[in-house]
Amino acid sequence: MDFFGNLSLIIIIFKKQREAQNVTNILYTNLSLSGILCLHMHSVSVSIFSLVLTAVERYQLIVNPWGWKRSVAHAYWGITLIWLVSLLLSIPFFLSYHLTHEPFQNLSLPTDLYTQQVACVENWPSKMNWLLFTTSLFMLQYCVPLSFTLICYLKIVICLRRRNGKVDKKRESESWVRENKRINTMLISTAVTFGVCWLPLNIFKVIFDWYHEVLMSCHHDLVFVFCHLIAMVSTCIHPLFYGFLNKNFQKDLVLLIHHCWCFAPRERYQNIAISSMHTDESKGSLRLAHTSRSI
């Protein structure tokens, strides 16, 4: 569901090309692209920083429209910066991994099938280095960006409420406020869902890093899998938000499915001209399927 939802969103936005070339769609496409990556650490960083950049873009558009002018070029530069920063944050993890036989040496198995197997595990210079890095990553990947994003959206909501009270009776003004409310609802829902879904896993990691003795007495692996599955739900949900709150996306998705269905193999039909019917449409045709039975 994660892969299909995010991939459909990416295909539809890029298929529309010029119509979809606005900053919000580009940033949301980047968020969807991060959702189908297999690089876990890199994907999380790209996702949260994409949410931050989207919040800044909406803040500038609504709260400070006379300030920095957003553009498609700025969006692409911002996405490039996001991927570079995410890559830098992932480098310490990549450097700490190494191949070892250790996990298989103490296994008491009736066969020696796994004796020559190796596993990729983390190996930090010291426990303090590991704790400092994971705690810093927790702040940079979760607490600080999410807090900043929610503050931006809080100011946006306050601004829209004030503007809604002063809005003119013109249809253009009412339509502008309604459209921005819809877009902001979609983006706020995405940010809140990301924060809620990733909260259990982040709490688990903090407890495991600093007080791992507490988790050793319970079902450690089961708790981790449960928290990890909840975190992965966020990547499945945000395409749904985009779909339910975007009527154009719903129409484009139906067209995409219909387009794929049209290219599916079908039965062969024979066109028989209708020349004996007294109608105005003299060039009509009747499509009849082949039958193998004789009458």
C-alpha atoms as a PDB file:
ATOM      1  CA  MET A   1       0.000   0.000   0.000  1.00  0.00           C
ATOM      2  CA  ASP A   2       2.886   2.347   0.850  1.00  0.00           C
ATOM      3  CA  PHE A   3       4.629   1.698  -2.458  1.00  0.00           C
ATOM      4  CA  PHE A   4       1.472   1.843  -4.597  1.00  0.00           C
ATOM      5  CA  GLY A   5       0.090   4.982  -2.934  1.00  0.00           C
ATOM      6  CA  ASN A   6       3.308   6.992  -3.102  1.00  0.00           C
ATOM      7  CA  LEU A   7       4.184   5.768  -6.593  1.00  0.00           C
ATOM      8  CA  SER A   8       0.716   6.681  -7.896  1.00  0.00           C
ATOM      9  CA  LEU A   9       1.056  10.144  -6.411  1.00  0.00           C
ATOM     10  CA  ILE A  10       4.467  10.648  -8.058  1.00  0.00           C
ATOM     11  CA  ILE A  11       3.267   9.384 -11.458  1.00  0.00           C
ATOM     12  CA  ILE A  12       0.151  11.554 -11.456  1.00  0.00           C
ATOM     13  CA  ILE A  13       1.958  14.747 -10.470  1.00  0.00           C
ATOM     14  CA  PHE A  14       4.712  14.273 -13.038  1.00  0.00           C
ATOM     15  CA  LYS A  15       2.234  13.171 -15.717  1.00  0.00           C
ATOM     16  CA  LYS A  16       0.468  16.518 -15.431  1.00  0.00           C
ATOM     17  CA  GLN A  17       3.846  18.246 -15.896  1.00  0.00           C
ATOM     18  CA  ARG A  18       3.200  21.963 -16.318  1.00  0.00           C
ATOM     19  CA  GLU A  19      -0.107  21.952 -14.450  1.00  0.00           C
ATOM     20  CA  ALA A  20       1.518  20.354 -11.400  1.00  0.00           C
ATOM     21  CA  GLN A  21       4.640  22.512 -11.458  1.00  0.00           C
ATOM     22  CA  ASN A  22       3.993  24.388  -8.234  1.00  0.00           C
ATOM     23  CA  VAL A  23       6.065  24.424  -5.075  1.00  0.00           C
ATOM     24  CA  THR A  24       3.617  22.511  -2.860  1.00  0.00           C
ATOM     25  CA  ASN A  25       3.213  19.626  -5.331  1.00  0.00           C
ATOM     26  CA  ILE A  26       6.965  19.380  -5.889  1.00  0.00           C
ATOM     27  CA  LEU A  27       7.674  19.193  -2.151  1.00  0.00           C
ATOM     28  CA  TYR A  28       4.880  16.685  -1.600  1.00  0.00           C
ATOM     29  CA  THR A  29       6.275  14.561  -4.432  1.00  0.00           C
ATOM     30  CA  ASN A  30       9.656  14.585  -2.705  1.00  0.00           C
ATOM     31  CA  LEU A  31       7.937  13.421   0.482  1.00  0.00           C
ATOM     32  CA  SER A  32       6.320  10.560  -1.434  1.00  0.00           C
ATOM     33  CA  LEU A  33       9.641   9.640  -3.026  1.00  0.00           C
ATOM     34  CA  SER A  34      11.244   9.336   0.410  1.00  0.00           C
ATOM     35  CA  GLY A  35       8.412   7.009   1.429  1.00  0.00           C
ATOM     36  CA  ILE A  36       9.393   4.349  -1.119  1.00  0.00           C
ATOM     37  CA  LEU A  37      13.119   4.395  -0.339  1.00  0.00           C
ATOM     38  CA  CYS A  38      14.676   1.324   1.225  1.00  0.00           C
ATOM     39  CA  LEU A  39      17.338   3.377   3.046  1.00  0.00           C
ATOM     40  CA  HIS A  40      15.626   3.779   6.401  1.00  0.00           C
ATOM     41  CA  MET A  41      17.836   6.435   7.992  1.00  0.00           C
ATOM     42  CA  HIS A  42      18.050   8.519   4.826  1.00  0.00           C
ATOM     43  CA  SER A  43      14.303   8.234   4.212  1.00  0.00           C
ATOM     44  CA  VAL A  44      13.356   9.509   7.674  1.00  0.00           C
ATOM     45  CA  SER A  45      15.578  12.579   7.334  1.00  0.00           C
ATOM     46  CA  VAL A  46      14.258  13.409   3.867  1.00  0.00           C
ATOM     47  CA  SER A  47      10.650  13.019   5.071  1.00  0.00           C
ATOM     48  CA  ILE A  48      10.909  15.270   8.111  1.00  0.00           C
ATOM     49  CA  PHE A  49      12.941  17.954   6.323  1.00  0.00           C
ATOM     50  CA  SER A  50      10.449  17.906   3.440  1.00  0.00           C
ATOM     51  CA  LEU A  51       7.678  18.573   5.963  1.00  0.00           C
ATOM     52  CA  VAL A  52       9.695  21.478   7.381  1.00  0.00           C
ATOM     53  CA  LEU A  53      10.293  23.009   3.951  1.00  0.00           C
ATOM     54  CA  THR A  54       6.613  22.613   3.065  1.00  0.00           C
ATOM     55  CA  ALA A  55       5.614  24.363   6.299  1.00  0.00           C
ATOM     56  CA  VAL A  56       8.006  27.240   5.548  1.00  0.00           C
ATOM     57  CA  GLU A  57       6.588  27.536   2.027  1.00  0.00           C
ATOM     58  CA  ARG A  58       3.004  27.716   3.308  1.00  0.00           C
ATOM     59  CA  TYR A  59       4.021  30.192   6.025  1.00  0.00           C
ATOM     60  CA  GLN A  60       5.597  32.525   3.470  1.00  0.00           C
ATOM     61  CA  LEU A  61       2.586  32.266   1.171  1.00  0.00           C
ATOM     62  CA  ILE A  62      -0.059  33.010   3.811  1.00  0.00           C
ATOM     63  CA  VAL A  63       1.518  34.813   6.777  1.00  0.00           C
ATOM     64  CA  ASN A  64       4.238  36.752   4.961  1.00  0.00           C
ATOM     65  CA  PRO A  65       3.141  37.014   1.299  1.00  0.00           C
ATOM     66  CA  TRP A  66       5.137  40.224   0.713  1.00  0.00           C
ATOM     67  CA  GLY A  67       8.408  38.695   1.871  1.00  0.00           C
ATOM     68  CA  TRP A  68      10.455  35.995   0.181  1.00  0.00           C
ATOM     69  CA  LYS A  69       8.905  35.007  -3.157  1.00  0.00           C
ATOM     70  CA  ARG A  70       8.720  31.247  -3.634  1.00  0.00           C
ATOM     71  CA  SER A  71       9.452  29.678  -7.007  1.00  0.00           C
ATOM     72  CA  VAL A  72       9.843  26.248  -8.581  1.00  0.00           C
ATOM     73  CA  ALA A  73      13.609  26.786  -8.810  1.00  0.00           C
ATOM     74  CA  HIS A  74      13.759  27.477  -5.056  1.00  0.00           C
ATOM     75  CA  ALA A  75      11.826  24.260  -4.428  1.00  0.00           C
ATOM     76  CA  TYR A  76      14.353  22.189  -6.382  1.00  0.00           C
ATOM     77  CA  TRP A  77      17.270  23.872  -4.617  1.00  0.00           C
ATOM     78  CA  GLY A  78      15.600  23.169  -1.273  1.00  0.00           C
ATOM     79  CA  ILE A  79      15.081  19.503  -2.171  1.00  0.00           C
ATOM     80  CA  THR A  80      18.737  19.208  -3.201  1.00  0.00           C
ATOM     81  CA  LEU A  81      19.791  20.660   0.157  1.00  0.00           C
ATOM     82  CA  ILE A  82      17.468  18.248   1.987  1.00  0.00           C
ATOM     83  CA  TRP A  83      19.035  15.207   0.327  1.00  0.00           C
ATOM     84  CA  LEU A  84      22.568  16.444   0.989  1.00  0.00           C
ATOM     85  CA  VAL A  85      21.887  17.118   4.690  1.00  0.00           C
ATOM     86  CA  SER A  86      20.143  13.751   5.039  1.00  0.00           C
ATOM     87  CA  LEU A  87      23.136  12.046   3.447  1.00  0.00           C
ATOM     88  CA  LEU A  88      25.520  13.776   5.872  1.00  0.00           C
ATOM     89  CA  LEU A  89      23.423  12.641   8.846  1.00  0.00           C
ATOM     90  CA  SER A  90      23.551   9.056   7.570  1.00  0.00           C
ATOM     91  CA  ILE A  91      27.328   8.914   7.057  1.00  0.00           C
ATOM     92  CA  PRO A  92      28.215   8.090  10.725  1.00  0.00           C
ATOM     93  CA  PHE A  93      25.856   5.107  10.595  1.00  0.00           C
ATOM     94  CA  PHE A  94      27.350   3.843   7.350  1.00  0.00           C
ATOM     95  CA  LEU A  95      30.876   4.178   8.770  1.00  0.00           C
ATOM     96  CA  SER A  96      29.985   2.322  11.973  1.00  0.00           C
ATOM     97  CA  TYR A  97      28.709  -0.814  10.224  1.00  0.00           C
ATOM     98  CA  HIS A  98      31.056  -3.735   9.634  1.00  0.00           C
ATOM     99  CA  LEU A  99      30.828  -7.445   8.815  1.00  0.00           C
ATOM    100  CA  THR A 100      31.480  -9.942  11.597  1.00  0.00           C
ATOM    101  CA  HIS A 101      31.012 -13.634  12.516  1.00  0.00           C
ATOM    102  CA  GLU A 102      30.198 -12.795  16.151  1.00  0.00           C
ATOM    103  CA  PRO A 103      26.390 -13.192  16.092  1.00  0.00           C
ATOM    104  CA  PHE A 104      26.728 -16.787  14.834  1.00  0.00           C
ATOM    105  CA  GLN A 105      29.605 -17.975  17.024  1.00  0.00           C
ATOM    106  CA  ASN A 106      27.576 -18.575  20.183  1.00  0.00           C
ATOM    107  CA  LEU A 107      24.635 -20.289  18.500  1.00  0.00           C
ATOM    108  CA  SER A 108      24.025 -23.853  19.653  1.00  0.00           C
ATOM    109  CA  LEU A 109      22.614 -25.440  16.514  1.00  0.00           C
ATOM    110  CA  PRO A 110      22.727 -29.105  15.408  1.00  0.00           C
ATOM    111  CA  THR A 111      24.240 -28.062  12.087  1.00  0.00           C
ATOM    112  CA  ASP A 112      27.226 -25.901  11.199  1.00  0.00           C
ATOM    113  CA  LEU A 113      25.332 -24.230   8.360  1.00  0.00           C
ATOM    114  CA  TYR A 114      25.675 -20.768   9.919  1.00  0.00           C
ATOM    115  CA  THR A 115      29.261 -20.976  11.136  1.00  0.00           C
ATOM    116  CA  GLN A 116      30.620 -19.240   8.035  1.00  0.00           C
ATOM    117  CA  GLN A 117      27.859 -16.648   7.864  1.00  0.00           C
ATOM    118  CA  VAL A 118      28.518 -12.967   8.561  1.00  0.00           C
ATOM    119  CA  ALA A 119      26.252 -10.197   9.802  1.00  0.00           C
ATOM    120  CA  CYS A 120      26.366  -6.423   9.418  1.00  0.00           C
ATOM    121  CA  VAL A 121      26.411  -4.812  12.882  1.00  0.00           C
ATOM    122  CA  GLU A 122      27.258  -1.420  14.382  1.00  0.00           C
ATOM    123  CA  ASN A 123      30.651  -0.957  15.978  1.00  0.00           C
ATOM    124  CA  TRP A 124      31.176   2.429  17.643  1.00  0.00           C
ATOM    125  CA  PRO A 125      34.506   3.581  19.156  1.00  0.00           C
ATOM    126  CA  SER A 126      32.805   3.986  22.538  1.00  0.00           C
ATOM    127  CA  LYS A 127      29.363   3.833  24.064  1.00  0.00           C
ATOM    128  CA  MET A 128      29.465   7.553  24.816  1.00  0.00           C
ATOM    129  CA  ASN A 129      30.012   8.352  21.132  1.00  0.00           C
ATOM    130  CA  TRP A 130      27.054   6.180  20.243  1.00  0.00           C
ATOM    131  CA  LEU A 131      24.819   7.841  22.861  1.00  0.00           C
ATOM    132  CA  LEU A 132      25.805  11.348  21.785  1.00  0.00           C
ATOM    133  CA  PHE A 133      25.126  10.598  18.134  1.00  0.00           C
ATOM    134  CA  THR A 134      21.768   8.844  18.628  1.00  0.00           C
ATOM    135  CA  THR A 135      20.536  11.529  21.039  1.00  0.00           C
ATOM    136  CA  SER A 136      21.614  14.314  18.676  1.00  0.00           C
ATOM    137  CA  LEU A 137      19.924  12.499  15.820  1.00  0.00           C
ATOM    138  CA  PHE A 138      16.724  12.211  17.858  1.00  0.00           C
ATOM    139  CA  MET A 139      16.736  15.982  18.351  1.00  0.00           C
ATOM    140  CA  LEU A 140      17.659  16.817  14.733  1.00  0.00           C
ATOM    141  CA  GLN A 141      15.413  14.223  13.096  1.00  0.00           C
ATOM    142  CA  TYR A 142      12.343  14.473  15.287  1.00  0.00           C
ATOM    143  CA  CYS A 143      12.005  17.019  18.098  1.00  0.00           C
ATOM    144  CA  VAL A 144      13.356  20.228  16.549  1.00  0.00           C
ATOM    145  CA  PRO A 145      11.938  19.869  12.984  1.00  0.00           C
ATOM    146  CA  LEU A 146       8.545  18.654  14.154  1.00  0.00           C
ATOM    147  CA  SER A 147       8.223  21.456  16.726  1.00  0.00           C
ATOM    148  CA  PHE A 148       9.228  24.036  14.110  1.00  0.00           C
ATOM    149  CA  THR A 149       6.707  22.607  11.622  1.00  0.00           C
ATOM    150  CA  LEU A 150       3.829  22.656  14.111  1.00  0.00           C
ATOM    151  CA  ILE A 151       4.665  26.237  15.157  1.00  0.00           C
ATOM    152  CA  CYS A 152       4.545  27.330  11.497  1.00  0.00           C
ATOM    153  CA  TYR A 153       1.151  25.712  10.977  1.00  0.00           C
ATOM    154  CA  LEU A 154      -0.164  27.166  14.240  1.00  0.00           C
ATOM    155  CA  LYS A 155       0.713  30.664  13.013  1.00  0.00           C
ATOM    156  CA  ILE A 156      -0.882  29.864   9.648  1.00  0.00           C
ATOM    157  CA  VAL A 157      -4.143  28.775  11.296  1.00  0.00           C
ATOM    158  CA  ILE A 158      -4.218  31.928  13.451  1.00  0.00           C
ATOM    159  CA  CYS A 159      -3.571  34.102  10.391  1.00  0.00           C
ATOM    160  CA  LEU A 160      -6.324  32.417   8.361  1.00  0.00           C
ATOM    161  CA  ARG A 161      -8.836  32.814  11.183  1.00  0.00           C
ATOM    162  CA  ARG A 162      -8.102  36.518  11.437  1.00  0.00           C
ATOM    163  CA  ARG A 163      -8.301  36.900   7.673  1.00  0.00           C
ATOM    164  CA  ASN A 164     -11.530  34.918   7.542  1.00  0.00           C
ATOM    165  CA  GLY A 165     -13.120  37.430   9.916  1.00  0.00           C
ATOM    166  CA  LYS A 166     -12.100  40.312   7.652  1.00  0.00           C
ATOM    167  CA  VAL A 167     -12.731  38.585   4.339  1.00  0.00           C
ATOM    168  CA  ASP A 168     -14.726  40.464   1.743  1.00  0.00           C
ATOM    169  CA  LYS A 169     -17.968  39.210   0.336  1.00  0.00           C
ATOM    170  CA  LYS A 170     -16.273  38.671  -3.002  1.00  0.00           C
ATOM    171  CA  ARG A 171     -16.298  35.112  -4.263  1.00  0.00           C
ATOM    172  CA  GLU A 172     -12.596  35.324  -5.109  1.00  0.00           C
ATOM    173  CA  SER A 173     -11.611  36.041  -1.509  1.00  0.00           C
ATOM    174  CA  GLU A 174     -13.852  33.329  -0.098  1.00  0.00           C
ATOM    175  CA  SER A 175     -12.549  30.835  -2.628  1.00  0.00           C
ATOM    176  CA  TRP A 176      -8.921  31.722  -1.801  1.00  0.00           C
ATOM    177  CA  VAL A 177      -9.472  31.191   1.936  1.00  0.00           C
ATOM    178  CA  ARG A 178     -11.350  27.923   1.330  1.00  0.00           C
ATOM    179  CA  GLU A 179      -8.624  26.563  -0.961  1.00  0.00           C
ATOM    180  CA  ASN A 180      -5.850  27.437   1.487  1.00  0.00           C
ATOM    181  CA  LYS A 181      -7.764  25.825   4.348  1.00  0.00           C
ATOM    182  CA  ARG A 182      -8.055  22.623   2.333  1.00  0.00           C
ATOM    183  CA  ILE A 183      -4.347  22.553   1.472  1.00  0.00           C
ATOM    184  CA  ASN A 184      -3.307  23.392   5.026  1.00  0.00           C
ATOM    185  CA  THR A 185      -5.587  20.694   6.446  1.00  0.00           C
ATOM    186  CA  MET A 186      -3.862  18.159   4.202  1.00  0.00           C
ATOM    187  CA  LEU A 187      -0.361  19.322   5.178  1.00  0.00           C
ATOM    188  CA  ILE A 188      -1.100  19.642   8.909  1.00  0.00           C
ATOM    189  CA  SER A 189      -2.654  16.159   8.919  1.00  0.00           C
ATOM    190  CA  THR A 190       0.477  14.796   7.257  1.00  0.00           C
ATOM    191  CA  ALA A 191       2.795  16.465   9.785  1.00  0.00           C
ATOM    192  CA  VAL A 192       0.731  15.386  12.815  1.00  0.00           C
ATOM    193  CA  THR A 193       0.466  11.820  11.496  1.00  0.00           C
ATOM    194  CA  PHE A 194       4.224  11.680  10.997  1.00  0.00           C
ATOM    195  CA  GLY A 195       4.836  12.902  14.554  1.00  0.00           C
ATOM    196  CA  VAL A 196       2.328  10.534  16.166  1.00  0.00           C
ATOM    197  CA  CYS A 197       3.404   7.460  14.188  1.00  0.00           C
ATOM    198  CA  TRP A 198       7.124   7.965  14.823  1.00  0.00           C
ATOM    199  CA  LEU A 199       6.721   8.819  18.521  1.00  0.00           C
ATOM    200  CA  PRO A 200       6.587   5.194  19.852  1.00  0.00           C
ATOM    201  CA  LEU A 201       9.720   4.140  17.944  1.00  0.00           C
ATOM    202  CA  ASN A 202      11.647   7.216  19.063  1.00  0.00           C
ATOM    203  CA  ILE A 203      10.656   6.636  22.692  1.00  0.00           C
ATOM    204  CA  PHE A 204      11.707   2.999  22.351  1.00  0.00           C
ATOM    205  CA  LYS A 205      15.105   3.998  20.927  1.00  0.00           C
ATOM    206  CA  VAL A 206      15.743   6.556  23.689  1.00  0.00           C
ATOM    207  CA  ILE A 207      14.887   4.011  26.394  1.00  0.00           C
ATOM    208  CA  PHE A 208      16.981   1.333  24.710  1.00  0.00           C
ATOM    209  CA  ASP A 209      19.969   3.673  24.344  1.00  0.00           C
ATOM    210  CA  TRP A 210      19.973   5.015  27.896  1.00  0.00           C
ATOM    211  CA  TYR A 211      18.109   2.392  29.954  1.00  0.00           C
ATOM    212  CA  HIS A 212      18.382  -0.817  27.926  1.00  0.00           C
ATOM    213  CA  GLU A 213      18.157  -2.913  31.121  1.00  0.00           C
ATOM    214  CA  VAL A 214      14.463  -2.025  31.328  1.00  0.00           C
ATOM    215  CA  LEU A 215      13.752  -3.566  27.923  1.00  0.00           C
ATOM    216  CA  MET A 216      15.820  -6.698  28.400  1.00  0.00           C
ATOM    217  CA  SER A 217      13.314  -8.117  30.871  1.00  0.00           C
ATOM    218  CA  CYS A 218      10.413  -7.872  28.423  1.00  0.00           C
ATOM    219  CA  HIS A 219       9.866  -8.908  24.827  1.00  0.00           C
ATOM    220  CA  HIS A 220      12.382  -6.568  23.247  1.00  0.00           C
ATOM    221  CA  ASP A 221      12.016  -7.750  19.646  1.00  0.00           C
ATOM    222  CA  LEU A 222       8.228  -7.786  19.794  1.00  0.00           C
ATOM    223  CA  VAL A 223       8.061  -4.220  21.116  1.00  0.00           C
ATOM    224  CA  PHE A 224      10.532  -3.031  18.481  1.00  0.00           C
ATOM    225  CA  VAL A 225       8.595  -4.641  15.611  1.00  0.00           C
ATOM    226  CA  PHE A 226       5.332  -3.150  16.885  1.00  0.00           C
ATOM    227  CA  CYS A 227       6.810   0.364  17.175  1.00  0.00           C
ATOM    228  CA  HIS A 228       8.478   0.038  13.782  1.00  0.00           C
ATOM    229  CA  LEU A 229       5.224  -1.001  12.090  1.00  0.00           C
ATOM    230  CA  ILE A 230       3.434   2.013  13.577  1.00  0.00           C
ATOM    231  CA  ALA A 231       6.186   4.264  12.221  1.00  0.00           C
ATOM    232  CA  MET A 232       5.841   2.765   8.746  1.00  0.00           C
ATOM    233  CA  VAL A 233       2.094   3.486   8.782  1.00  0.00           C
ATOM    234  CA  SER A 234       2.857   7.195   8.313  1.00  0.00           C
ATOM    235  CA  THR A 235       4.227   6.582   4.811  1.00  0.00           C
ATOM    236  CA  CYS A 236       1.007   4.758   3.889  1.00  0.00           C
ATOM    237  CA  ILE A 237      -1.316   7.421   5.283  1.00  0.00           C
ATOM    238  CA  HIS A 238      -0.037  10.632   3.712  1.00  0.00           C
ATOM    239  CA  PRO A 239      -0.974   9.605   0.118  1.00  0.00           C
ATOM    240  CA  LEU A 240      -4.486   8.989   1.476  1.00  0.00           C
ATOM    241  CA  PHE A 241      -4.616  12.517   2.894  1.00  0.00           C
ATOM    242  CA  TYR A 242      -3.512  13.897  -0.455  1.00  0.00           C
ATOM    243  CA  GLY A 243      -6.118  11.793  -2.244  1.00  0.00           C
ATOM    244  CA  PHE A 244      -9.125  12.464  -0.005  1.00  0.00           C
ATOM    245  CA  LEU A 245      -8.479  16.220   0.202  1.00  0.00           C
ATOM    246  CA  ASN A 246      -7.576  16.737  -3.458  1.00  0.00           C
ATOM    247  CA  LYS A 247     -10.372  16.288  -5.990  1.00  0.00           C
ATOM    248  CA  ASN A 248      -8.001  16.720  -8.935  1.00  0.00           C
ATOM    249  CA  PHE A 249      -5.868  13.856  -7.634  1.00  0.00           C
ATOM    250  CA  GLN A 250      -8.955  11.639  -7.381  1.00  0.00           C
ATOM    251  CA  LYS A 251      -9.857  12.354 -11.011  1.00  0.00           C
ATOM    252  CA  ASP A 252      -6.283  11.779 -12.184  1.00  0.00           C
ATOM    253  CA  LEU A 253      -6.074   8.500 -10.256  1.00  0.00           C
ATOM    254  CA  VAL A 254      -9.242   7.240 -11.959  1.00  0.00           C
ATOM    255  CA  LEU A 255      -7.782   8.225 -15.341  1.00  0.00           C
ATOM    256  CA  LEU A 256      -4.505   6.464 -14.511  1.00  0.00           C
ATOM    257  CA  ILE A 257      -6.309   3.245 -13.539  1.00  0.00           C
ATOM    258  CA  HIS A 258      -8.460   3.486 -16.660  1.00  0.00           C
ATOM    259  CA  HIS A 259      -5.341   4.046 -18.777  1.00  0.00           C
ATOM    260  CA  CYS A 260      -3.687   0.933 -17.319  1.00  0.00           C
ATOM    261  CA  TRP A 261      -6.910  -1.040 -17.806  1.00  0.00           C
ATOM    262  CA  CYS A 262      -7.102  -0.029 -21.465  1.00  0.00           C
ATOM    263  CA  PHE A 263      -3.689  -1.557 -22.110  1.00  0.00           C
ATOM    264  CA  ALA A 264      -4.701  -4.887 -20.561  1.00  0.00           C
ATOM    265  CA  PRO A 265      -5.279  -7.827 -22.974  1.00  0.00           C
ATOM    266  CA  ARG A 266      -8.874  -8.017 -24.123  1.00  0.00           C
ATOM    267  CA  GLU A 267     -11.015 -10.336 -26.224  1.00  0.00           C
ATOM    268  CA  ARG A 268     -11.024  -9.749 -29.946  1.00  0.00           C
ATOM    269  CA  TYR A 269     -14.067  -8.126 -31.453  1.00  0.00           C
ATOM    270  CA  GLN A 270     -15.421  -7.977 -35.000  1.00  0.00           C
ATOM    271  CA  ASN A 271     -16.883  -4.742 -36.382  1.00  0.00           C
ATOM    272  CA  ILE A 272     -19.950  -5.275 -38.567  1.00  0.00           C
ATOM    273  CA  ALA A 273     -21.315  -2.238 -40.381  1.00  0.00           C
ATOM    274  CA  ILE A 274     -24.992  -1.492 -39.903  1.00  0.00           C
ATOM    275  CA  SER A 275     -26.227  -0.525 -43.352  1.00  0.00           C
ATOM    276  CA  SER A 276     -29.801  -1.713 -43.140  1.00  0.00           C
ATOM    277  CA  MET A 277     -30.889   0.385 -40.148  1.00  0.00           C
ATOM    278  CA  HIS A 278     -32.764   3.598 -40.942  1.00  0.00           C
ATOM    279  CA  THR A 279     -30.928   5.975 -38.620  1.00  0.00           C
ATOM    280  CA  ASP A 280     -29.100   9.248 -39.030  1.00  0.00           C
ATOM    281  CA  GLU A 281     -25.837   7.582 -38.033  1.00  0.00           C
ATOM    282  CA  SER A 282     -25.028   5.725 -41.219  1.00  0.00           C
ATOM    283  CA  LYS A 283     -21.464   4.970 -40.166  1.00  0.00           C
ATOM    284  CA  GLY A 284     -22.263   3.257 -36.887  1.00  0.00           C
ATOM    285  CA  SER A 285     -20.920  -0.187 -36.078  1.00  0.00           C
ATOM    286  CA  LEU A 286     -21.875  -3.019 -33.800  1.00  0.00           C
ATOM    287  CA  ARG A 287     -19.133  -4.808 -31.865  1.00  0.00           C
ATOM    288  CA  LEU A 288     -19.831  -8.507 -31.510  1.00  0.00           C
ATOM    289  CA  ALA A 289     -17.598 -10.982 -29.721  1.00  0.00           C
ATOM    290  CA  HIS A 290     -16.404 -14.137 -31.496  1.00  0.00           C
ATOM    291  CA  THR A 291     -18.224 -17.301 -30.501  1.00  0.00           C
ATOM    292  CA  SER A 292     -17.097 -20.837 -31.117  1.00  0.00           C
ATOM    293  CA  ARG A 293     -20.511 -22.421 -30.913  1.00  0.00           C
ATOM    294  CA  SER A 294     -22.590 -23.066 -34.044  1.00  0.00           C
ATOM    295  CA  ILE A 295     -26.279 -22.212 -33.940  1.00  0.00           C
END
